[in-house]
C-alpha atoms as a PDB file:
ATOM      1  CA  UNK A   1       7.496 -16.598 -22.051  1.00  0.00           C
ATOM      2  CA  UNK A   2       4.075 -14.509 -22.966  1.00  0.00           C
ATOM      3  CA  UNK A   3       3.985 -11.592 -25.321  1.00  0.00           C
ATOM      4  CA  UNK A   4       3.818  -8.773 -23.311  1.00  0.00           C
ATOM      5  CA  UNK A   5       0.322  -7.796 -25.191  1.00  0.00           C
ATOM      6  CA  UNK A   6      -0.999 -11.143 -24.055  1.00  0.00           C
ATOM      7  CA  UNK A   7      -0.689 -10.690 -20.177  1.00  0.00           C
ATOM      8  CA  UNK A   8      -3.949  -9.886 -19.217  1.00  0.00           C
ATOM      9  CA  UNK A   9      -2.831  -6.406 -17.234  1.00  0.00           C
ATOM     10  CA  UNK A  10      -6.537  -4.772 -17.807  1.00  0.00           C
ATOM     11  CA  UNK A  11      -7.421  -7.249 -14.891  1.00  0.00           C
ATOM     12  CA  UNK A  12      -5.743  -5.199 -12.066  1.00  0.00           C
ATOM     13  CA  UNK A  13      -5.870  -1.881 -14.111  1.00  0.00           C
ATOM     14  CA  UNK A  14      -8.194  -0.136 -11.927  1.00  0.00           C
ATOM     15  CA  UNK A  15      -6.249  -1.137  -8.994  1.00  0.00           C
ATOM     16  CA  UNK A  16      -2.444  -0.126  -9.974  1.00  0.00           C
ATOM     17  CA  UNK A  17      -2.863   2.652  -7.438  1.00  0.00           C
ATOM     18  CA  UNK A  18      -2.841   0.128  -4.850  1.00  0.00           C
ATOM     19  CA  UNK A  19       0.629  -1.797  -5.747  1.00  0.00           C
ATOM     20  CA  UNK A  20       3.816  -0.637  -4.465  1.00  0.00           C
ATOM     21  CA  UNK A  21       6.614  -0.698  -1.534  1.00  0.00           C
ATOM     22  CA  UNK A  22       6.315   0.781   1.644  1.00  0.00           C
ATOM     23  CA  UNK A  23       4.409   4.094   0.589  1.00  0.00           C
ATOM     24  CA  UNK A  24       6.459   4.458  -2.225  1.00  0.00           C
ATOM     25  CA  UNK A  25       4.998   6.730  -4.643  1.00  0.00           C
ATOM     26  CA  UNK A  26       6.445   4.892  -7.861  1.00  0.00           C
ATOM     27  CA  UNK A  27       3.961   2.904 -10.153  1.00  0.00           C
ATOM     28  CA  UNK A  28       5.929  -0.385 -10.109  1.00  0.00           C
ATOM     29  CA  UNK A  29       5.645  -2.942 -12.889  1.00  0.00           C
ATOM     30  CA  UNK A  30       7.804  -6.222 -12.477  1.00  0.00           C
ATOM     31  CA  UNK A  31       8.837  -7.842 -15.736  1.00  0.00           C
ATOM     32  CA  UNK A  32      11.505 -10.381 -16.913  1.00  0.00           C
ATOM     33  CA  UNK A  33      14.377  -9.782 -18.739  1.00  0.00           C
ATOM     34  CA  UNK A  34      15.607 -13.664 -18.552  1.00  0.00           C
ATOM     35  CA  UNK A  35      14.084 -16.709 -17.596  1.00  0.00           C
ATOM     36  CA  UNK A  36      15.400 -19.844 -15.470  1.00  0.00           C
ATOM     37  CA  UNK A  37      18.741 -19.899 -13.506  1.00  0.00           C
ATOM     38  CA  UNK A  38      21.771 -22.199 -14.461  1.00  0.00           C
ATOM     39  CA  UNK A  39      23.180 -21.997 -10.804  1.00  0.00           C
ATOM     40  CA  UNK A  40      22.736 -25.334  -8.408  1.00  0.00           C
ATOM     41  CA  UNK A  41      22.150 -23.512  -4.795  1.00  0.00           C
ATOM     42  CA  UNK A  42      21.216 -26.184  -2.506  1.00  0.00           C
ATOM     43  CA  UNK A  43      18.231 -24.542  -0.995  1.00  0.00           C
ATOM     44  CA  UNK A  44      16.759 -22.902  -4.080  1.00  0.00           C
ATOM     45  CA  UNK A  45      14.188 -24.641  -5.896  1.00  0.00           C
ATOM     46  CA  UNK A  46      15.148 -23.448  -9.101  1.00  0.00           C
ATOM     47  CA  UNK A  47      17.607 -26.435  -9.530  1.00  0.00           C
ATOM     48  CA  UNK A  48      14.577 -28.749  -9.280  1.00  0.00           C
ATOM     49  CA  UNK A  49      12.168 -26.380 -11.203  1.00  0.00           C
ATOM     50  CA  UNK A  50      14.581 -26.504 -14.365  1.00  0.00           C
ATOM     51  CA  UNK A  51      16.243 -29.864 -14.025  1.00  0.00           C
ATOM     52  CA  UNK A  52      14.832 -31.512 -16.956  1.00  0.00           C
ATOM     53  CA  UNK A  53      14.931 -28.327 -18.967  1.00  0.00           C
ATOM     54  CA  UNK A  54      17.637 -27.212 -21.744  1.00  0.00           C
ATOM     55  CA  UNK A  55      18.809 -24.666 -21.797  1.00  0.00           C
ATOM     56  CA  UNK A  56      18.175 -23.827 -17.675  1.00  0.00           C
ATOM     57  CA  UNK A  57      18.827 -20.082 -18.994  1.00  0.00           C
ATOM     58  CA  UNK A  58      17.445 -18.172 -21.768  1.00  0.00           C
ATOM     59  CA  UNK A  59      17.669 -14.331 -22.450  1.00  0.00           C
ATOM     60  CA  UNK A  60      14.504 -12.820 -23.862  1.00  0.00           C
ATOM     61  CA  UNK A  61      15.386 -10.857 -26.642  1.00  0.00           C
ATOM     62  CA  UNK A  62      16.362  -7.117 -25.774  1.00  0.00           C
ATOM     63  CA  UNK A  63      13.466  -5.312 -28.320  1.00  0.00           C
ATOM     64  CA  UNK A  64      11.094  -7.682 -26.585  1.00  0.00           C
ATOM     65  CA  UNK A  65      12.080  -6.240 -23.052  1.00  0.00           C
ATOM     66  CA  UNK A  66      12.123  -2.982 -24.204  1.00  0.00           C
ATOM     67  CA  UNK A  67       8.695  -3.267 -26.064  1.00  0.00           C
ATOM     68  CA  UNK A  68       7.095  -4.323 -23.014  1.00  0.00           C
ATOM     69  CA  UNK A  69       8.426  -1.806 -20.549  1.00  0.00           C
ATOM     70  CA  UNK A  70       7.696   1.084 -23.460  1.00  0.00           C
ATOM     71  CA  UNK A  71       4.271  -0.622 -23.281  1.00  0.00           C
ATOM     72  CA  UNK A  72       3.547  -0.337 -19.769  1.00  0.00           C
ATOM     73  CA  UNK A  73       5.244   2.904 -19.271  1.00  0.00           C
ATOM     74  CA  UNK A  74       2.372   4.490 -22.302  1.00  0.00           C
ATOM     75  CA  UNK A  75      -0.340   2.598 -21.346  1.00  0.00           C
ATOM     76  CA  UNK A  76      -0.129   2.094 -17.381  1.00  0.00           C
ATOM     77  CA  UNK A  77       1.932   4.991 -16.174  1.00  0.00           C
ATOM     78  CA  UNK A  78       4.874   2.686 -15.300  1.00  0.00           C
ATOM     79  CA  UNK A  79       7.692   4.660 -13.715  1.00  0.00           C
ATOM     80  CA  UNK A  80       9.645   1.759 -12.089  1.00  0.00           C
ATOM     81  CA  UNK A  81      10.529  -1.152 -13.544  1.00  0.00           C
ATOM     82  CA  UNK A  82      11.461  -4.000 -11.260  1.00  0.00           C
ATOM     83  CA  UNK A  83      13.193  -7.068 -13.122  1.00  0.00           C
ATOM     84  CA  UNK A  84      11.950 -10.330 -11.166  1.00  0.00           C
ATOM     85  CA  UNK A  85      14.471 -12.956 -13.064  1.00  0.00           C
ATOM     86  CA  UNK A  86      16.276 -15.599 -10.831  1.00  0.00           C
ATOM     87  CA  UNK A  87      19.236 -13.931 -12.009  1.00  0.00           C
ATOM     88  CA  UNK A  88      19.240 -10.601 -14.091  1.00  0.00           C
ATOM     89  CA  UNK A  89      23.093 -10.754 -14.714  1.00  0.00           C
ATOM     90  CA  UNK A  90      24.505 -14.061 -15.776  1.00  0.00           C
ATOM     91  CA  UNK A  91      24.940 -11.918 -19.030  1.00  0.00           C
ATOM     92  CA  UNK A  92      25.559  -8.710 -17.726  1.00  0.00           C
ATOM     93  CA  UNK A  93      25.840  -7.379 -21.502  1.00  0.00           C
ATOM     94  CA  UNK A  94      22.338  -8.548 -21.903  1.00  0.00           C
ATOM     95  CA  UNK A  95      21.505  -5.838 -19.431  1.00  0.00           C
ATOM     96  CA  UNK A  96      23.734  -3.339 -20.973  1.00  0.00           C
ATOM     97  CA  UNK A  97      21.991  -3.958 -24.232  1.00  0.00           C
ATOM     98  CA  UNK A  98      18.377  -3.381 -22.574  1.00  0.00           C
ATOM     99  CA  UNK A  99      19.912   0.168 -20.729  1.00  0.00           C
ATOM    100  CA  UNK A 100      21.267   1.274 -24.383  1.00  0.00           C
ATOM    101  CA  UNK A 101      17.811   0.466 -25.843  1.00  0.00           C
ATOM    102  CA  UNK A 102      15.818   2.356 -23.130  1.00  0.00           C
ATOM    103  CA  UNK A 103      18.591   5.522 -23.860  1.00  0.00           C
ATOM    104  CA  UNK A 104      17.840   4.881 -27.715  1.00  0.00           C
ATOM    105  CA  UNK A 105      14.324   5.028 -27.394  1.00  0.00           C
ATOM    106  CA  UNK A 106      14.152   8.292 -24.836  1.00  0.00           C
ATOM    107  CA  UNK A 107      12.673   5.893 -22.181  1.00  0.00           C
ATOM    108  CA  UNK A 108      13.412   7.335 -18.651  1.00  0.00           C
ATOM    109  CA  UNK A 109      12.717   5.017 -15.697  1.00  0.00           C
ATOM    110  CA  UNK A 110      14.007   3.992 -12.510  1.00  0.00           C
ATOM    111  CA  UNK A 111      15.097   0.163 -12.427  1.00  0.00           C
ATOM    112  CA  UNK A 112      15.505  -2.623  -9.635  1.00  0.00           C
ATOM    113  CA  UNK A 113      17.040  -5.962 -10.048  1.00  0.00           C
ATOM    114  CA  UNK A 114      15.918  -8.956  -7.890  1.00  0.00           C
ATOM    115  CA  UNK A 115      18.477 -11.338  -8.891  1.00  0.00           C
ATOM    116  CA  UNK A 116      22.343 -10.686  -8.430  1.00  0.00           C
ATOM    117  CA  UNK A 117      25.041 -13.116  -7.273  1.00  0.00           C
ATOM    118  CA  UNK A 118      28.361 -12.051  -5.594  1.00  0.00           C
ATOM    119  CA  UNK A 119      30.371 -14.310  -7.934  1.00  0.00           C
ATOM    120  CA  UNK A 120      28.734 -12.058 -10.890  1.00  0.00           C
ATOM    121  CA  UNK A 121      29.187  -8.584  -9.081  1.00  0.00           C
ATOM    122  CA  UNK A 122      32.859  -9.517  -8.395  1.00  0.00           C
ATOM    123  CA  UNK A 123      33.331  -9.397 -12.292  1.00  0.00           C
ATOM    124  CA  UNK A 124      31.686  -6.421 -13.124  1.00  0.00           C
ATOM    125  CA  UNK A 125      33.491  -3.271 -13.749  1.00  0.00           C
ATOM    126  CA  UNK A 126      33.186   0.023 -12.060  1.00  0.00           C
ATOM    127  CA  UNK A 127      32.262   1.602 -15.351  1.00  0.00           C
ATOM    128  CA  UNK A 128      29.412  -0.947 -15.847  1.00  0.00           C
ATOM    129  CA  UNK A 129      28.007  -0.280 -12.242  1.00  0.00           C
ATOM    130  CA  UNK A 130      27.912   3.705 -12.902  1.00  0.00           C
ATOM    131  CA  UNK A 131      26.098   2.815 -16.563  1.00  0.00           C
ATOM    132  CA  UNK A 132      23.555   1.101 -14.252  1.00  0.00           C
ATOM    133  CA  UNK A 133      23.107   3.749 -11.740  1.00  0.00           C
ATOM    134  CA  UNK A 134      22.940   6.223 -14.575  1.00  0.00           C
ATOM    135  CA  UNK A 135      20.082   4.436 -16.312  1.00  0.00           C
ATOM    136  CA  UNK A 136      17.972   4.681 -12.923  1.00  0.00           C
ATOM    137  CA  UNK A 137      18.709   1.572 -11.264  1.00  0.00           C
ATOM    138  CA  UNK A 138      18.363   2.717  -7.261  1.00  0.00           C
ATOM    139  CA  UNK A 139      18.881  -1.046  -5.982  1.00  0.00           C
ATOM    140  CA  UNK A 140      20.121  -4.513  -6.380  1.00  0.00           C
ATOM    141  CA  UNK A 141      19.170  -7.302  -4.488  1.00  0.00           C
ATOM    142  CA  UNK A 142      22.253  -9.749  -3.842  1.00  0.00           C
ATOM    143  CA  UNK A 143      22.412 -13.230  -2.612  1.00  0.00           C
ATOM    144  CA  UNK A 144      25.072 -13.248   0.153  1.00  0.00           C
ATOM    145  CA  UNK A 145      23.229 -15.204   2.213  1.00  0.00           C
ATOM    146  CA  UNK A 146      25.601 -16.225   5.355  1.00  0.00           C
ATOM    147  CA  UNK A 147      28.630 -15.020   7.141  1.00  0.00           C
ATOM    148  CA  UNK A 148      29.971 -18.586   7.644  1.00  0.00           C
ATOM    149  CA  UNK A 149      32.434 -20.149   5.468  1.00  0.00           C
ATOM    150  CA  UNK A 150      30.695 -23.506   6.068  1.00  0.00           C
ATOM    151  CA  UNK A 151      27.465 -22.423   5.395  1.00  0.00           C
ATOM    152  CA  UNK A 152      28.440 -20.803   2.219  1.00  0.00           C
ATOM    153  CA  UNK A 153      29.654 -24.178   1.054  1.00  0.00           C
ATOM    154  CA  UNK A 154      26.922 -26.125   2.168  1.00  0.00           C
ATOM    155  CA  UNK A 155      24.685 -23.985  -0.139  1.00  0.00           C
ATOM    156  CA  UNK A 156      26.779 -23.932  -3.060  1.00  0.00           C
ATOM    157  CA  UNK A 157      26.735 -20.123  -3.229  1.00  0.00           C
ATOM    158  CA  UNK A 158      30.430 -20.200  -5.403  1.00  0.00           C
ATOM    159  CA  UNK A 159      31.715 -17.641  -3.076  1.00  0.00           C
ATOM    160  CA  UNK A 160      33.556 -16.929  -0.082  1.00  0.00           C
ATOM    161  CA  UNK A 161      33.625 -14.599   3.008  1.00  0.00           C
ATOM    162  CA  UNK A 162      36.313 -12.502   1.515  1.00  0.00           C
ATOM    163  CA  UNK A 163      34.285 -12.078  -2.044  1.00  0.00           C
ATOM    164  CA  UNK A 164      31.431 -10.608  -0.279  1.00  0.00           C
ATOM    165  CA  UNK A 165      33.443  -8.158   1.573  1.00  0.00           C
ATOM    166  CA  UNK A 166      35.149  -7.264  -1.619  1.00  0.00           C
ATOM    167  CA  UNK A 167      32.180  -6.680  -3.441  1.00  0.00           C
ATOM    168  CA  UNK A 168      30.036  -4.668  -0.700  1.00  0.00           C
ATOM    169  CA  UNK A 169      33.607  -2.580  -0.993  1.00  0.00           C
ATOM    170  CA  UNK A 170      33.340  -2.306  -4.528  1.00  0.00           C
ATOM    171  CA  UNK A 171      29.363  -1.560  -4.089  1.00  0.00           C
ATOM    172  CA  UNK A 172      30.098   1.545  -1.840  1.00  0.00           C
ATOM    173  CA  UNK A 173      32.055   3.309  -4.671  1.00  0.00           C
ATOM    174  CA  UNK A 174      28.430   3.492  -6.283  1.00  0.00           C
ATOM    175  CA  UNK A 175      25.996   4.919  -3.503  1.00  0.00           C
ATOM    176  CA  UNK A 176      23.243   5.610  -6.129  1.00  0.00           C
ATOM    177  CA  UNK A 177      22.475   2.008  -6.102  1.00  0.00           C
ATOM    178  CA  UNK A 178      21.485   0.303  -2.931  1.00  0.00           C
ATOM    179  CA  UNK A 179      22.987  -2.909  -2.376  1.00  0.00           C
ATOM    180  CA  UNK A 180      19.943  -4.909  -0.472  1.00  0.00           C
ATOM    181  CA  UNK A 181      21.777  -8.237   0.367  1.00  0.00           C
ATOM    182  CA  UNK A 182      19.561 -11.272   1.401  1.00  0.00           C
ATOM    183  CA  UNK A 183      20.583 -14.160   4.252  1.00  0.00           C
ATOM    184  CA  UNK A 184      19.492 -17.538   4.873  1.00  0.00           C
ATOM    185  CA  UNK A 185      19.713 -19.165   8.679  1.00  0.00           C
ATOM    186  CA  UNK A 186      18.324 -21.894  10.323  1.00  0.00           C
ATOM    187  CA  UNK A 187      20.256 -24.038   7.934  1.00  0.00           C
ATOM    188  CA  UNK A 188      20.323 -28.227   8.499  1.00  0.00           C
ATOM    189  CA  UNK A 189      23.819 -28.558  10.871  1.00  0.00           C
ATOM    190  CA  UNK A 190      24.155 -24.741  11.362  1.00  0.00           C
ATOM    191  CA  UNK A 191      25.592 -23.719  14.692  1.00  0.00           C
ATOM    192  CA  UNK A 192      25.327 -20.610  17.104  1.00  0.00           C
ATOM    193  CA  UNK A 193      28.887 -19.811  15.818  1.00  0.00           C
ATOM    194  CA  UNK A 194      27.991 -19.630  12.399  1.00  0.00           C
ATOM    195  CA  UNK A 195      25.058 -17.443  13.283  1.00  0.00           C
ATOM    196  CA  UNK A 196      27.548 -15.169  15.110  1.00  0.00           C
ATOM    197  CA  UNK A 197      29.743 -15.308  12.053  1.00  0.00           C
ATOM    198  CA  UNK A 198      26.843 -13.840  10.103  1.00  0.00           C
ATOM    199  CA  UNK A 199      26.173 -11.172  12.314  1.00  0.00           C
ATOM    200  CA  UNK A 200      29.521  -9.947  12.342  1.00  0.00           C
ATOM    201  CA  UNK A 201      29.938  -9.733   8.495  1.00  0.00           C
ATOM    202  CA  UNK A 202      27.027  -7.866   8.367  1.00  0.00           C
ATOM    203  CA  UNK A 203      27.703  -5.230  10.809  1.00  0.00           C
ATOM    204  CA  UNK A 204      31.328  -5.169   9.046  1.00  0.00           C
ATOM    205  CA  UNK A 205      29.212  -4.625   5.619  1.00  0.00           C
ATOM    206  CA  UNK A 206      27.173  -1.898   7.376  1.00  0.00           C
ATOM    207  CA  UNK A 207      30.311   0.335   8.552  1.00  0.00           C
ATOM    208  CA  UNK A 208      32.086  -0.445   4.808  1.00  0.00           C
ATOM    209  CA  UNK A 209      28.896   0.754   2.877  1.00  0.00           C
ATOM    210  CA  UNK A 210      26.599   2.951   4.206  1.00  0.00           C
ATOM    211  CA  UNK A 211      24.331   2.337   1.041  1.00  0.00           C
ATOM    212  CA  UNK A 212      24.090  -1.172   2.353  1.00  0.00           C
ATOM    213  CA  UNK A 213      20.940  -2.666   3.220  1.00  0.00           C
ATOM    214  CA  UNK A 214      20.606  -6.078   5.123  1.00  0.00           C
ATOM    215  CA  UNK A 215      17.229  -7.629   4.611  1.00  0.00           C
ATOM    216  CA  UNK A 216      15.645  -9.905   7.517  1.00  0.00           C
ATOM    217  CA  UNK A 217      17.273 -13.194   7.610  1.00  0.00           C
ATOM    218  CA  UNK A 218      14.855 -15.663   5.841  1.00  0.00           C
ATOM    219  CA  UNK A 219      14.524 -19.302   7.762  1.00  0.00           C
ATOM    220  CA  UNK A 220      15.542 -21.718   5.515  1.00  0.00           C
ATOM    221  CA  UNK A 221      12.545 -23.946   4.542  1.00  0.00           C
ATOM    222  CA  UNK A 222      12.893 -27.570   3.091  1.00  0.00           C
ATOM    223  CA  UNK A 223      11.807 -27.435  -0.510  1.00  0.00           C
ATOM    224  CA  UNK A 224      10.347 -30.688  -2.023  1.00  0.00           C
ATOM    225  CA  UNK A 225      13.167 -31.227  -4.582  1.00  0.00           C
ATOM    226  CA  UNK A 226      15.929 -29.431  -3.386  1.00  0.00           C
ATOM    227  CA  UNK A 227      19.567 -31.032  -2.456  1.00  0.00           C
ATOM    228  CA  UNK A 228      18.595 -29.663   1.439  1.00  0.00           C
ATOM    229  CA  UNK A 229      15.134 -30.879   1.319  1.00  0.00           C
ATOM    230  CA  UNK A 230      17.033 -34.396   1.736  1.00  0.00           C
ATOM    231  CA  UNK A 231      19.450 -33.390   4.382  1.00  0.00           C
ATOM    232  CA  UNK A 232      16.633 -31.936   6.353  1.00  0.00           C
ATOM    233  CA  UNK A 233      14.999 -35.390   6.020  1.00  0.00           C
ATOM    234  CA  UNK A 234      17.561 -37.164   7.384  1.00  0.00           C
ATOM    235  CA  UNK A 235      17.729 -34.868  10.400  1.00  0.00           C
ATOM    236  CA  UNK A 236      14.291 -35.885  11.250  1.00  0.00           C
ATOM    237  CA  UNK A 237      11.926 -33.063   9.504  1.00  0.00           C
ATOM    238  CA  UNK A 238       8.563 -34.419   8.339  1.00  0.00           C
ATOM    239  CA  UNK A 239       6.959 -31.931   5.613  1.00  0.00           C
ATOM    240  CA  UNK A 240       3.260 -30.767   6.303  1.00  0.00           C
ATOM    241  CA  UNK A 241       0.424 -32.820   5.681  1.00  0.00           C
ATOM    242  CA  UNK A 242      -2.155 -30.506   5.302  1.00  0.00           C
ATOM    243  CA  UNK A 243      -2.215 -27.401   3.025  1.00  0.00           C
ATOM    244  CA  UNK A 244      -2.681 -24.987   5.815  1.00  0.00           C
ATOM    245  CA  UNK A 245       0.642 -26.408   7.407  1.00  0.00           C
ATOM    246  CA  UNK A 246       2.480 -24.605   4.632  1.00  0.00           C
ATOM    247  CA  UNK A 247       1.566 -21.343   5.829  1.00  0.00           C
ATOM    248  CA  UNK A 248       4.141 -22.153   9.018  1.00  0.00           C
ATOM    249  CA  UNK A 249       6.837 -21.707   6.419  1.00  0.00           C
ATOM    250  CA  UNK A 250       6.570 -17.926   5.599  1.00  0.00           C
ATOM    251  CA  UNK A 251       9.425 -15.612   6.930  1.00  0.00           C
ATOM    252  CA  UNK A 252       7.009 -14.644  10.148  1.00  0.00           C
ATOM    253  CA  UNK A 253       5.606 -18.245  10.749  1.00  0.00           C
ATOM    254  CA  UNK A 254       6.859 -19.974  13.721  1.00  0.00           C
ATOM    255  CA  UNK A 255       8.941 -22.885  11.753  1.00  0.00           C
ATOM    256  CA  UNK A 256      11.312 -25.003  14.178  1.00  0.00           C
ATOM    257  CA  UNK A 257      12.433 -28.409  12.503  1.00  0.00           C
ATOM    258  CA  UNK A 258      13.872 -30.946  14.455  1.00  0.00           C
ATOM    259  CA  UNK A 259      17.598 -29.348  14.506  1.00  0.00           C
ATOM    260  CA  UNK A 260      16.597 -26.396  16.303  1.00  0.00           C
ATOM    261  CA  UNK A 261      17.586 -25.797  19.894  1.00  0.00           C
ATOM    262  CA  UNK A 262      15.828 -23.464  21.904  1.00  0.00           C
ATOM    263  CA  UNK A 263      18.364 -20.958  22.166  1.00  0.00           C
ATOM    264  CA  UNK A 264      19.051 -21.469  18.289  1.00  0.00           C
ATOM    265  CA  UNK A 265      15.680 -20.587  17.872  1.00  0.00           C
ATOM    266  CA  UNK A 266      15.291 -17.515  20.040  1.00  0.00           C
ATOM    267  CA  UNK A 267      18.877 -16.402  18.234  1.00  0.00           C
ATOM    268  CA  UNK A 268      17.291 -16.228  14.934  1.00  0.00           C
ATOM    269  CA  UNK A 269      14.147 -14.814  16.013  1.00  0.00           C
ATOM    270  CA  UNK A 270      16.255 -11.885  17.646  1.00  0.00           C
ATOM    271  CA  UNK A 271      18.313 -11.393  14.545  1.00  0.00           C
ATOM    272  CA  UNK A 272      15.043 -11.300  12.162  1.00  0.00           C
ATOM    273  CA  UNK A 273      13.633  -8.440  14.380  1.00  0.00           C
ATOM    274  CA  UNK A 274      16.878  -6.386  15.068  1.00  0.00           C
ATOM    275  CA  UNK A 275      17.893  -6.659  11.292  1.00  0.00           C
ATOM    276  CA  UNK A 276      15.010  -4.103  10.567  1.00  0.00           C
ATOM    277  CA  UNK A 277      16.939  -1.342  12.601  1.00  0.00           C
ATOM    278  CA  UNK A 278      20.756  -2.210  12.366  1.00  0.00           C
ATOM    279  CA  UNK A 279      21.125  -0.116   9.136  1.00  0.00           C
ATOM    280  CA  UNK A 280      18.608   2.558   8.788  1.00  0.00           C
ATOM    281  CA  UNK A 281      16.907   1.020   6.103  1.00  0.00           C
ATOM    282  CA  UNK A 282      13.612   2.653   6.890  1.00  0.00           C
ATOM    283  CA  UNK A 283      15.447   5.836   6.424  1.00  0.00           C
ATOM    284  CA  UNK A 284      17.231   4.947   3.174  1.00  0.00           C
ATOM    285  CA  UNK A 285      14.051   3.578   1.322  1.00  0.00           C
ATOM    286  CA  UNK A 286      12.122   5.966  -0.900  1.00  0.00           C
ATOM    287  CA  UNK A 287       8.710   6.500   0.208  1.00  0.00           C
ATOM    288  CA  UNK A 288       5.633   8.627  -0.006  1.00  0.00           C
ATOM    289  CA  UNK A 289       6.571  10.230   3.062  1.00  0.00           C
ATOM    290  CA  UNK A 290       2.858   8.935   4.727  1.00  0.00           C
ATOM    291  CA  UNK A 291       1.963   9.635   8.599  1.00  0.00           C
ATOM    292  CA  UNK A 292       2.195   5.845   9.187  1.00  0.00           C
ATOM    293  CA  UNK A 293       5.749   5.544   7.512  1.00  0.00           C
ATOM    294  CA  UNK A 294       7.104   8.827   9.539  1.00  0.00           C
ATOM    295  CA  UNK A 295       5.948   7.163  12.774  1.00  0.00           C
ATOM    296  CA  UNK A 296       7.711   3.862  11.804  1.00  0.00           C
ATOM    297  CA  UNK A 297      10.945   5.817  11.235  1.00  0.00           C
ATOM    298  CA  UNK A 298      10.748   7.408  14.375  1.00  0.00           C
ATOM    299  CA  UNK A 299      10.110   4.305  16.203  1.00  0.00           C
ATOM    300  CA  UNK A 300      12.923   2.721  14.313  1.00  0.00           C
ATOM    301  CA  UNK A 301      15.536   5.538  15.533  1.00  0.00           C
ATOM    302  CA  UNK A 302      14.463   5.087  19.099  1.00  0.00           C
ATOM    303  CA  UNK A 303      15.032   1.674  19.044  1.00  0.00           C
ATOM    304  CA  UNK A 304      18.158   1.534  16.938  1.00  0.00           C
ATOM    305  CA  UNK A 305      20.574   1.284  19.877  1.00  0.00           C
ATOM    306  CA  UNK A 306      19.021  -1.633  21.607  1.00  0.00           C
ATOM    307  CA  UNK A 307      18.771  -3.399  18.552  1.00  0.00           C
ATOM    308  CA  UNK A 308      22.363  -2.864  17.742  1.00  0.00           C
ATOM    309  CA  UNK A 309      23.244  -4.201  21.212  1.00  0.00           C
ATOM    310  CA  UNK A 310      21.174  -7.218  20.988  1.00  0.00           C
ATOM    311  CA  UNK A 311      22.449  -8.056  17.288  1.00  0.00           C
ATOM    312  CA  UNK A 312      26.307  -7.094  18.104  1.00  0.00           C
ATOM    313  CA  UNK A 313      26.340  -9.245  21.211  1.00  0.00           C
ATOM    314  CA  UNK A 314      23.964 -12.035  20.425  1.00  0.00           C
ATOM    315  CA  UNK A 315      21.363 -11.209  23.246  1.00  0.00           C
ATOM    316  CA  UNK A 316      18.168 -12.837  22.383  1.00  0.00           C
ATOM    317  CA  UNK A 317      17.024 -13.145  26.074  1.00  0.00           C
ATOM    318  CA  UNK A 318      13.534 -11.607  26.684  1.00  0.00           C
ATOM    319  CA  UNK A 319      12.920 -10.764  23.332  1.00  0.00           C
ATOM    320  CA  UNK A 320       9.455  -8.822  24.093  1.00  0.00           C
ATOM    321  CA  UNK A 321       9.695  -6.589  21.360  1.00  0.00           C
ATOM    322  CA  UNK A 322       9.504  -9.498  19.132  1.00  0.00           C
ATOM    323  CA  UNK A 323       5.689 -10.222  19.449  1.00  0.00           C
ATOM    324  CA  UNK A 324       5.127  -6.226  19.433  1.00  0.00           C
ATOM    325  CA  UNK A 325       6.706  -5.734  16.205  1.00  0.00           C
ATOM    326  CA  UNK A 326       4.731  -8.133  14.150  1.00  0.00           C
ATOM    327  CA  UNK A 327       1.206  -6.865  15.760  1.00  0.00           C
ATOM    328  CA  UNK A 328       2.302  -3.206  14.772  1.00  0.00           C
ATOM    329  CA  UNK A 329       3.552  -3.999  11.277  1.00  0.00           C
ATOM    330  CA  UNK A 330       0.512  -6.387  10.632  1.00  0.00           C
ATOM    331  CA  UNK A 331      -1.441  -3.071   9.624  1.00  0.00           C
ATOM    332  CA  UNK A 332       1.390  -2.787   6.830  1.00  0.00           C
ATOM    333  CA  UNK A 333       0.739  -6.154   5.287  1.00  0.00           C
ATOM    334  CA  UNK A 334      -3.156  -5.889   5.305  1.00  0.00           C
END
């Protein structure tokens, strides 16, 4: 853990205005409140990274975290702190202590949390979630991953579909916090029926929680050292030989391991493209209101009925919009 005064922020100081999310006007700074992860998700790199490390989870002292926040706020004009911990809520009391210290020092910033699990949220009280919202929290990224009980068991998420539904209903009582759910598809042994269950669950969650955001499903990637990497090898996967081949493993890459059928690959592509539009996420995020983003919102509004039709009924044929969408959004990534 580096002391925040040793982080070479001066190297990016001239370009801080270029960093952001979807034309968001906030000055966003990522930082850690904890290091490591105690969980054993079968697809995740963390268990492999921390295999020889004890302890596997370490809290950064509250005073150090808030000193860091105060520094970037005063020196660089940070208005939004995005906690990029593998998991921020192994110890919710630690997060609560950070919020209390921010308040004691009179620091008012928006907060976002990258790491949260269903089993942790299930234990959180409404009072705690209200406190998070009052402190400026406007988004929590939550690993739901799948609507298939079989897949949840395979990837060791320590939760059930019923748990996901219960947590989503709880979060609906706190609309100030957008609940942004992560999903993973293309797991070894996954079937079209498993994908159908995931689609049905996401649609139910959107209906029951208007503040819910469904992120584009991530294609499973066999990461060396993970539990599912060994299973992928058994099913015919061969790791890339050259460095450039690893780039095909990006979310937008055309990654097709041996267990994909043509119909399965088409279904995943359909779910990825339509997931951008089924929940009105482009109207829920806070943006700077630029013209190009307004154009994207208009196109999203026009396409949503077709996206819902495809997503609800699993219609993956003639997916012309898949290539069109990625050509259009490439301008946002450059």
